[in-house]
Amino acid sequence: MNKKINSCIQVNENFESACLDDSGKSVVSPRLFISTMNEFDGLTLDYTLPGVDKEAIELKISEDSIFVKGETDSIHYSSFYRFTCPVTPNDVKASYDNGLLRIKVPFKDITLDMIDIDIK
């Protein structure tokens, strides 16, 4: 469901800015904290989604990007992030507890798709 954004406002210090959709909900990007997994074999993404029920979270991922969406009665969270290195979507693990969505995203082993080339 696409909602038209009709005005922008400043919110508290937890968000840089927000817009209001047609229903009057604030549309904001959740805070995102990124860290590397063991010896840089992937990323851990922590999204803050305070007040969002687990069932109200939509999470989609591809080799090069991730999309997160969640809603409360008054706030619509939405975030898109593009990875700089390819990841393995089928091996992603996600958990949600007390407003924190933690996503472990392993990098793709790019050597698996490589072929040997004879040099003449």
C-alpha atoms as a PDB file:
ATOM      1  CA  MET A   1       0.000   0.000   0.000  1.00  0.00           C
ATOM      2  CA  ASN A   2       1.614   3.232  -1.163  1.00  0.00           C
ATOM      3  CA  LYS A   3       0.714   6.307   0.831  1.00  0.00           C
ATOM      4  CA  LYS A   4       1.195   9.800  -0.449  1.00  0.00           C
ATOM      5  CA  ILE A   5       3.536  11.901   1.656  1.00  0.00           C
ATOM      6  CA  ASN A   6       2.045  15.354   2.084  1.00  0.00           C
ATOM      7  CA  SER A   7       4.266  17.265   4.500  1.00  0.00           C
ATOM      8  CA  CYS A   8       7.633  17.122   6.227  1.00  0.00           C
ATOM      9  CA  ILE A   9       8.362  17.883   9.855  1.00  0.00           C
ATOM     10  CA  GLN A  10      11.293  17.813  12.273  1.00  0.00           C
ATOM     11  CA  VAL A  11      11.049  15.127  14.924  1.00  0.00           C
ATOM     12  CA  ASN A  12      12.981  14.472  18.132  1.00  0.00           C
ATOM     13  CA  GLU A  13      16.722  13.794  18.302  1.00  0.00           C
ATOM     14  CA  ASN A  14      16.223  10.102  17.439  1.00  0.00           C
ATOM     15  CA  PHE A  15      15.315  10.960  13.861  1.00  0.00           C
ATOM     16  CA  GLU A  16      16.716  13.526  11.455  1.00  0.00           C
ATOM     17  CA  SER A  17      13.346  14.299   9.902  1.00  0.00           C
ATOM     18  CA  ALA A  18      10.029  12.718   9.121  1.00  0.00           C
ATOM     19  CA  CYS A  19       7.143  13.184   6.741  1.00  0.00           C
ATOM     20  CA  LEU A  20       3.449  12.637   7.270  1.00  0.00           C
ATOM     21  CA  ASP A  21       1.471  10.277   5.073  1.00  0.00           C
ATOM     22  CA  ASP A  22      -2.199  10.795   4.169  1.00  0.00           C
ATOM     23  CA  SER A  23      -3.337   9.072   7.362  1.00  0.00           C
ATOM     24  CA  GLY A  24      -1.257  11.448   9.518  1.00  0.00           C
ATOM     25  CA  LYS A  25       1.381   8.862  10.460  1.00  0.00           C
ATOM     26  CA  SER A  26       4.988  10.004  10.662  1.00  0.00           C
ATOM     27  CA  VAL A  27       7.123   8.310   8.002  1.00  0.00           C
ATOM     28  CA  VAL A  28      10.681   7.911   9.337  1.00  0.00           C
ATOM     29  CA  SER A  29      13.824   5.898   8.709  1.00  0.00           C
ATOM     30  CA  PRO A  30      14.731   3.709  11.683  1.00  0.00           C
ATOM     31  CA  ARG A  31      18.182   4.114  13.221  1.00  0.00           C
ATOM     32  CA  LEU A  32      20.617   1.657  11.674  1.00  0.00           C
ATOM     33  CA  PHE A  33      23.826   0.458  13.324  1.00  0.00           C
ATOM     34  CA  ILE A  34      26.199  -1.663  11.234  1.00  0.00           C
ATOM     35  CA  SER A  35      29.052  -3.825  12.499  1.00  0.00           C
ATOM     36  CA  THR A  36      31.142  -6.566  10.923  1.00  0.00           C
ATOM     37  CA  MET A  37      30.736 -10.209  11.827  1.00  0.00           C
ATOM     38  CA  ASN A  38      33.605 -12.551  12.741  1.00  0.00           C
ATOM     39  CA  GLU A  39      36.736 -11.542  10.861  1.00  0.00           C
ATOM     40  CA  PHE A  40      34.742  -9.556   8.330  1.00  0.00           C
ATOM     41  CA  ASP A  41      32.757 -12.467   6.868  1.00  0.00           C
ATOM     42  CA  GLY A  42      29.525 -10.488   6.935  1.00  0.00           C
ATOM     43  CA  LEU A  43      27.555  -7.683   8.539  1.00  0.00           C
ATOM     44  CA  THR A  44      25.322  -7.341  11.558  1.00  0.00           C
ATOM     45  CA  LEU A  45      22.586  -4.766  11.005  1.00  0.00           C
ATOM     46  CA  ASP A  46      20.690  -3.455  14.035  1.00  0.00           C
ATOM     47  CA  TYR A  47      17.515  -1.488  13.292  1.00  0.00           C
ATOM     48  CA  THR A  48      15.645   0.282  16.090  1.00  0.00           C
ATOM     49  CA  LEU A  49      11.896  -0.144  15.666  1.00  0.00           C
ATOM     50  CA  PRO A  50      10.419   0.900  19.033  1.00  0.00           C
ATOM     51  CA  GLY A  51       6.819  -0.129  19.579  1.00  0.00           C
ATOM     52  CA  VAL A  52       6.554  -2.230  16.414  1.00  0.00           C
ATOM     53  CA  ASP A  53       5.044  -5.720  16.747  1.00  0.00           C
ATOM     54  CA  LYS A  54       7.126  -8.485  15.157  1.00  0.00           C
ATOM     55  CA  GLU A  55       4.182  -9.378  12.899  1.00  0.00           C
ATOM     56  CA  ALA A  56       4.134  -5.795  11.550  1.00  0.00           C
ATOM     57  CA  ILE A  57       7.723  -5.972  10.244  1.00  0.00           C
ATOM     58  CA  GLU A  58       8.447  -6.587   6.579  1.00  0.00           C
ATOM     59  CA  LEU A  59      12.014  -7.634   5.727  1.00  0.00           C
ATOM     60  CA  LYS A  60      13.247  -8.250   2.178  1.00  0.00           C
ATOM     61  CA  ILE A  61      16.800  -8.882   1.041  1.00  0.00           C
ATOM     62  CA  SER A  62      18.659  -9.525  -2.201  1.00  0.00           C
ATOM     63  CA  GLU A  63      22.355  -9.951  -3.037  1.00  0.00           C
ATOM     64  CA  ASP A  64      22.833  -6.200  -3.143  1.00  0.00           C
ATOM     65  CA  SER A  65      20.160  -4.567  -0.970  1.00  0.00           C
ATOM     66  CA  ILE A  66      17.855  -4.789   2.032  1.00  0.00           C
ATOM     67  CA  PHE A  67      14.416  -3.280   2.696  1.00  0.00           C
ATOM     68  CA  VAL A  68      12.873  -2.972   6.167  1.00  0.00           C
ATOM     69  CA  LYS A  69       9.400  -1.676   6.970  1.00  0.00           C
ATOM     70  CA  GLY A  70       7.347  -1.606  10.174  1.00  0.00           C
ATOM     71  CA  GLU A  71       4.393   0.301  11.614  1.00  0.00           C
ATOM     72  CA  THR A  72       2.905   1.394  14.898  1.00  0.00           C
ATOM     73  CA  ASP A  73      -0.338   3.319  15.379  1.00  0.00           C
ATOM     74  CA  SER A  74       1.464   6.618  14.830  1.00  0.00           C
ATOM     75  CA  ILE A  75       4.746   5.876  13.001  1.00  0.00           C
ATOM     76  CA  HIS A  76       5.594   4.206   9.698  1.00  0.00           C
ATOM     77  CA  TYR A  77       9.263   3.075   9.607  1.00  0.00           C
ATOM     78  CA  SER A  78      10.865   2.441   6.238  1.00  0.00           C
ATOM     79  CA  SER A  79      14.492   1.877   5.218  1.00  0.00           C
ATOM     80  CA  PHE A  80      16.400   0.799   2.121  1.00  0.00           C
ATOM     81  CA  TYR A  81      20.125   0.063   2.191  1.00  0.00           C
ATOM     82  CA  ARG A  82      22.399  -1.004  -0.667  1.00  0.00           C
ATOM     83  CA  PHE A  83      25.293  -3.350   0.145  1.00  0.00           C
ATOM     84  CA  THR A  84      28.729  -2.563  -1.277  1.00  0.00           C
ATOM     85  CA  CYS A  85      29.644  -6.278  -1.368  1.00  0.00           C
ATOM     86  CA  PRO A  86      27.328  -9.105  -2.499  1.00  0.00           C
ATOM     87  CA  VAL A  87      25.651 -11.067   0.295  1.00  0.00           C
ATOM     88  CA  THR A  88      24.015 -14.500   0.538  1.00  0.00           C
ATOM     89  CA  PRO A  89      20.271 -13.844   1.055  1.00  0.00           C
ATOM     90  CA  ASN A  90      19.407 -17.497   1.791  1.00  0.00           C
ATOM     91  CA  ASP A  91      21.773 -17.547   4.787  1.00  0.00           C
ATOM     92  CA  VAL A  92      20.508 -14.364   6.465  1.00  0.00           C
ATOM     93  CA  LYS A  93      19.317 -14.720  10.084  1.00  0.00           C
ATOM     94  CA  ALA A  94      17.018 -12.195  11.756  1.00  0.00           C
ATOM     95  CA  SER A  95      15.710 -11.801  15.305  1.00  0.00           C
ATOM     96  CA  TYR A  96      13.536  -9.185  16.991  1.00  0.00           C
ATOM     97  CA  ASP A  97      13.444  -8.319  20.684  1.00  0.00           C
ATOM     98  CA  ASN A  98      12.306  -5.188  22.550  1.00  0.00           C
ATOM     99  CA  GLY A  99      12.277  -2.929  19.495  1.00  0.00           C
ATOM    100  CA  LEU A 100      15.640  -4.097  18.126  1.00  0.00           C
ATOM    101  CA  LEU A 101      15.711  -5.945  14.801  1.00  0.00           C
ATOM    102  CA  ARG A 102      19.079  -7.704  14.446  1.00  0.00           C
ATOM    103  CA  ILE A 103      19.979  -9.087  11.040  1.00  0.00           C
ATOM    104  CA  LYS A 104      23.107 -11.162  10.392  1.00  0.00           C
ATOM    105  CA  VAL A 105      24.050 -10.939   6.729  1.00  0.00           C
ATOM    106  CA  PRO A 106      26.914 -13.151   5.482  1.00  0.00           C
ATOM    107  CA  PHE A 107      28.969 -11.975   2.530  1.00  0.00           C
ATOM    108  CA  LYS A 108      28.843 -14.061  -0.627  1.00  0.00           C
ATOM    109  CA  ASP A 109      32.038 -15.952  -1.453  1.00  0.00           C
ATOM    110  CA  ILE A 110      32.701 -14.304  -4.794  1.00  0.00           C
ATOM    111  CA  THR A 111      35.291 -16.934  -5.718  1.00  0.00           C
ATOM    112  CA  LEU A 112      32.519 -19.560  -6.051  1.00  0.00           C
ATOM    113  CA  ASP A 113      31.295 -17.993  -9.302  1.00  0.00           C
ATOM    114  CA  MET A 114      34.756 -17.478 -10.756  1.00  0.00           C
ATOM    115  CA  ILE A 115      36.178 -19.544 -13.562  1.00  0.00           C
ATOM    116  CA  ASP A 116      39.809 -20.209 -14.476  1.00  0.00           C
ATOM    117  CA  ILE A 117      41.058 -18.498 -17.611  1.00  0.00           C
ATOM    118  CA  ASP A 118      44.016 -19.855 -19.556  1.00  0.00           C
ATOM    119  CA  ILE A 119      46.646 -17.252 -20.228  1.00  0.00           C
ATOM    120  CA  LYS A 120      48.354 -17.612 -23.609  1.00  0.00           C
END
